[in-house]
Each structure stands twice: as C-alpha cells, then as structure tokens.
Amino acid sequence: MLRKNIYFYFGGACILLAFLCLTHNLREDHEAKVRTQKIVTELKEKVGKNSSPQNNYIENPKMEMPTRQINGLAYIGYLRIERLSLDLPILSEWSYPLIRISPARYRGSVYENNMIILAHNYKAHFGNLHRLDKGDKVEFVDMNDNHFIYEVEDVGKLRPEQASDLVEGNRDLSLFTCTLGGRERVVVRCKRQRQTLPQISS
C-alpha cells in the first residue's frame, strides 16, 4: 500500500512538473512574440531613414553591414519568412543572452552571400523552422532598404559535433536553431534569387 502511495505521489509530482514547464515555456514564447513585434516595428521605421540609398557593397562586398540601435542593441535588418508569417529583427552579433531577445547574425554578411542567422526555438522565432519546404521564399532587408530574396534549397538537421558543417560549403544564407530537446540543430539552406534596390527619390 505504501509503495502504491509513493508511486501515486511521484506520478502526480511528475505531471505537475510537466505542467509547470509547459506553462513557463508558453509564457516565454508569448513574451518573445510581443518583444519581437515591438522591435521589428521600430526597426522598420528606421530602415532607409537618415541615409541615402547605399549600394556600394556591390563593388565592396566586404564592407560592414550598416546597423541601427534599438534599446542599446545594434540590428542589421530584418528577416521575412512568409510561409511562417514571421518578420524578425536581426541583431548584428549573437550571444546566448541576446538570442533570448532577438534572432542574430552568427557570422558572415548578406553582401558576401555567406550569412548565417541563428535564433532561439521559440515559436515566435525559429521554432517552426522545420516546417519550411524546398522552394519557400525568404527575404532579408538591410538597414539601407536593400531587399535580398532567397529560396529554400534544403531543410535538415545537424548534431552538435557537426558544427563545422554549418559553416562549410557555398551557401548564400543559412538559418538554424536547436530542436526542443537541444540534441540537434535544424538547419535551413537558402539560395539567393534576386535583389531589389531601394527607390531613389527624384
């Protein structure tokens, strides 16, 4: 009888813990969504402002990507994934605390066709990245209002020990995040299709 009671209470504790974890995750995801929407709205207002259109990266692709400051953090632009109904601000640099705020550049540059972006697996960030299919469109807009259009080429997974594979190869744009358990990385590879230059006022 005592053993049955122990199993009963242990099972109840496990259910309660699972419920608390789920509630915590849902709250974090909601907070990330609200925070992201606020940042990207402010960021879009800054795109192309206080500067004339700059396309000199075409001749100098190694130039630094322009940034704008929001709440003391530097952003290089925003990422649009229509299939997932996402518009996401992209931080210039990454760290584990920073990607709880916003997706970030892991390395590379959109001008050199080798940029890698990482994000937390919040649904409001890259949590549904695995739902993308080959041929889906991805768009990156830099702070000078240059639009870079990509098409998904491949969706796959890498184990943590395969981290070097993430940066190898000639990929125009890569997006990645951890799976829910953190044992693997979801990786989306994209091929650049075209670019739309900003409109110059007459």
Protein backbone atom coordinates (compact mmCIF):
# COMPACT_ATOMS: atom_id res chain seq x y z
CA MET A 1 0.00 0.00 0.00
CA LEU A 2 2.81 2.36 0.92
CA ARG A 3 4.56 1.61 -2.37
CA LYS A 4 1.39 2.39 -4.31
CA ASN A 5 1.06 5.71 -2.50
CA ILE A 6 4.66 6.55 -3.32
CA TYR A 7 4.05 5.79 -7.00
CA PHE A 8 0.85 7.84 -6.92
CA TYR A 9 2.52 10.90 -5.41
CA PHE A 10 5.58 10.55 -7.63
CA GLY A 11 3.38 10.37 -10.72
CA GLY A 12 1.41 13.39 -9.58
CA ALA A 13 4.62 15.34 -8.97
CA CYS A 14 5.85 14.49 -12.49
CA ILE A 15 2.58 15.65 -14.03
CA LEU A 16 2.70 18.88 -12.03
CA LEU A 17 6.32 19.50 -13.05
CA ALA A 18 5.48 18.90 -16.71
CA PHE A 19 2.56 21.32 -16.44
CA LEU A 20 4.75 23.98 -14.83
CA CYS A 21 7.41 23.56 -17.53
CA LEU A 22 4.77 23.84 -20.27
CA THR A 23 3.30 26.97 -18.67
CA HIS A 24 6.77 28.51 -18.35
CA ASN A 25 7.60 27.76 -21.98
CA LEU A 26 4.30 29.18 -23.23
CA ARG A 27 4.83 32.34 -21.22
CA GLU A 28 8.38 32.76 -22.54
CA ASP A 29 7.17 32.22 -26.09
CA HIS A 30 4.42 34.81 -25.69
CA GLU A 31 6.83 37.33 -24.20
CA ALA A 32 9.27 36.70 -27.07
CA LYS A 33 6.49 37.30 -29.61
CA VAL A 34 5.41 40.60 -28.03
CA ARG A 35 9.01 41.78 -27.68
CA THR A 36 9.91 40.79 -31.26
CA GLN A 37 6.89 42.52 -32.79
CA LYS A 38 7.70 45.72 -30.92
CA ILE A 39 11.35 45.69 -32.01
CA VAL A 40 10.68 44.88 -35.66
CA THR A 41 8.03 47.62 -35.88
CA GLU A 42 10.52 50.17 -34.59
CA LEU A 43 13.26 48.76 -36.82
CA LYS A 44 11.15 49.06 -39.97
CA GLU A 45 10.63 52.72 -39.18
CA LYS A 46 14.40 53.17 -39.19
CA VAL A 47 15.05 51.31 -42.47
CA GLY A 48 16.38 53.72 -45.08
CA LYS A 49 15.94 56.70 -42.76
CA ASN A 50 18.66 59.29 -42.13
CA SER A 51 20.73 57.96 -45.02
CA SER A 52 20.66 58.00 -48.79
CA PRO A 53 20.41 54.62 -50.55
CA GLN A 54 23.74 52.82 -50.30
CA ASN A 55 24.55 50.16 -52.88
CA ASN A 56 28.34 50.44 -52.78
CA TYR A 57 28.53 46.96 -51.26
CA ILE A 58 28.15 45.70 -54.84
CA GLU A 59 31.66 46.93 -55.56
CA ASN A 60 32.84 46.37 -51.98
CA PRO A 61 31.06 43.27 -50.60
CA LYS A 62 33.43 43.12 -47.63
CA MET A 63 32.10 46.39 -46.23
CA GLU A 64 30.43 46.34 -42.81
CA MET A 65 26.68 45.99 -42.84
CA PRO A 66 25.02 49.20 -41.57
CA THR A 67 23.26 48.99 -38.21
CA ARG A 68 20.60 50.87 -36.25
CA GLN A 69 20.34 50.99 -32.48
CA ILE A 70 17.24 49.94 -30.56
CA ASN A 71 17.39 49.80 -26.75
CA GLY A 72 21.18 49.95 -26.96
CA LEU A 73 21.47 46.95 -29.29
CA ALA A 74 22.66 47.03 -32.92
CA TYR A 75 20.47 45.49 -35.63
CA ILE A 76 21.47 44.84 -39.25
CA GLY A 77 17.96 44.50 -40.69
CA TYR A 78 15.02 42.14 -40.58
CA LEU A 79 14.15 38.71 -41.95
CA ARG A 80 10.78 37.89 -43.51
CA ILE A 81 9.57 34.29 -43.82
CA GLU A 82 6.13 34.46 -45.38
CA ARG A 83 5.40 30.74 -45.03
CA LEU A 84 5.74 31.04 -41.23
CA SER A 85 4.19 34.55 -41.04
CA LEU A 86 7.38 35.89 -39.48
CA ASP A 87 9.05 39.29 -39.59
CA LEU A 88 12.11 39.10 -37.33
CA PRO A 89 14.67 41.74 -36.35
CA ILE A 90 18.25 40.53 -36.72
CA LEU A 91 20.93 41.55 -34.24
CA SER A 92 24.40 42.32 -35.58
CA GLU A 93 26.11 39.96 -33.10
CA TRP A 94 24.99 36.99 -31.10
CA SER A 95 25.33 35.62 -27.60
CA TYR A 96 23.13 33.22 -25.63
CA PRO A 97 21.52 36.05 -23.61
CA LEU A 98 20.98 38.12 -26.77
CA ILE A 99 19.13 35.44 -28.73
CA ARG A 100 16.53 35.37 -25.99
CA ILE A 101 15.73 38.90 -27.20
CA SER A 102 16.02 38.51 -30.95
CA PRO A 103 17.47 36.31 -33.72
CA ALA A 104 21.04 37.29 -34.53
CA ARG A 105 23.80 37.02 -37.09
CA TYR A 106 26.04 34.08 -36.27
CA ARG A 107 28.63 35.01 -38.87
CA GLY A 108 29.06 36.24 -42.45
CA SER A 109 27.38 39.00 -44.40
CA VAL A 110 24.44 39.25 -46.76
CA TYR A 111 26.72 41.21 -49.09
CA GLU A 112 29.19 38.32 -49.34
CA ASN A 113 26.43 35.73 -49.77
CA ASN A 114 27.53 33.74 -46.73
CA MET A 115 25.40 34.97 -43.83
CA ILE A 116 24.29 32.57 -41.09
CA ILE A 117 21.46 33.54 -38.73
CA LEU A 118 20.58 31.74 -35.52
CA ALA A 119 17.62 32.08 -33.20
CA HIS A 120 16.04 30.53 -30.12
CA ASN A 121 13.48 27.79 -30.73
CA TYR A 122 10.60 29.97 -29.54
CA LYS A 123 7.72 29.58 -31.99
CA ALA A 124 7.88 33.36 -32.31
CA HIS A 125 11.48 32.98 -33.57
CA PHE A 126 12.76 29.81 -35.30
CA GLY A 127 10.68 27.17 -33.50
CA ASN A 128 8.81 26.26 -36.70
CA LEU A 129 11.84 26.41 -38.99
CA HIS A 130 11.49 22.68 -39.68
CA ARG A 131 8.14 23.38 -41.39
CA LEU A 132 9.81 25.12 -44.32
CA ASP A 133 9.96 23.29 -47.64
CA LYS A 134 12.21 23.49 -50.65
CA GLY A 135 11.16 26.45 -52.77
CA ASP A 136 9.77 28.58 -49.93
CA LYS A 137 10.75 32.25 -50.11
CA VAL A 138 12.87 34.05 -47.52
CA GLU A 139 13.64 37.76 -47.64
CA PHE A 140 16.26 39.82 -45.83
CA VAL A 141 16.05 43.62 -45.74
CA ASP A 142 19.14 45.56 -44.67
CA MET A 143 19.09 48.96 -42.96
CA ASN A 144 19.54 50.76 -46.30
CA ASP A 145 16.34 49.15 -47.60
CA ASN A 146 18.05 46.71 -49.94
CA HIS A 147 15.87 43.60 -50.30
CA PHE A 148 17.56 40.22 -50.80
CA ILE A 149 15.26 37.43 -51.96
CA TYR A 150 16.14 33.77 -51.29
CA GLU A 151 14.65 30.38 -51.97
CA VAL A 152 14.91 27.45 -49.57
CA GLU A 153 17.15 24.74 -51.04
CA ASP A 154 17.37 22.28 -48.17
CA VAL A 155 15.98 21.65 -44.68
CA GLY A 156 17.95 19.26 -42.49
CA LYS A 157 19.44 18.55 -39.08
CA LEU A 158 22.96 18.50 -37.65
CA ARG A 159 24.26 17.07 -34.41
CA PRO A 160 26.25 19.40 -32.10
CA GLU A 161 29.51 17.66 -33.07
CA GLN A 162 28.80 18.54 -36.72
CA ALA A 163 29.04 22.28 -36.02
CA SER A 164 31.83 22.69 -38.57
CA ASP A 165 29.43 21.51 -41.30
CA LEU A 166 27.28 24.53 -40.58
CA VAL A 167 29.89 26.98 -41.85
CA GLU A 168 31.30 24.85 -44.64
CA GLY A 169 30.09 24.94 -48.22
CA ASN A 170 29.00 27.73 -50.51
CA ARG A 171 25.60 28.71 -49.07
CA ASP A 172 24.12 32.15 -49.67
CA LEU A 173 22.04 32.17 -46.47
CA SER A 174 21.68 29.67 -43.63
CA LEU A 175 19.20 29.70 -40.75
CA PHE A 176 19.47 27.44 -37.73
CA THR A 177 18.09 26.72 -34.27
CA CYS A 178 18.11 23.94 -31.68
CA THR A 179 15.45 21.24 -31.58
CA LEU A 180 13.27 21.24 -28.45
CA GLY A 181 15.47 18.72 -26.69
CA GLY A 182 18.64 20.52 -27.78
CA ARG A 183 20.18 17.35 -29.19
CA GLU A 184 20.20 18.52 -32.81
CA ARG A 185 20.23 21.70 -34.88
CA VAL A 186 17.57 22.40 -37.51
CA VAL A 187 19.35 23.98 -40.49
CA VAL A 188 17.74 25.68 -43.49
CA ARG A 189 19.92 26.48 -46.50
CA CYS A 190 18.82 29.18 -48.93
CA LYS A 191 19.90 30.26 -52.42
CA ARG A 192 19.80 33.91 -53.37
CA GLN A 193 17.39 34.59 -56.22
CA ARG A 194 17.43 38.33 -56.75
CA GLN A 195 17.80 41.71 -55.10
CA THR A 196 15.52 44.74 -55.11
CA LEU A 197 17.35 48.05 -54.80
CA PRO A 198 15.85 50.89 -52.76
CA GLN A 199 13.93 53.55 -54.64
CA ILE A 200 15.83 56.81 -55.02
CA SER A 201 13.57 59.86 -54.74
CA SER A 202 13.79 62.30 -57.60
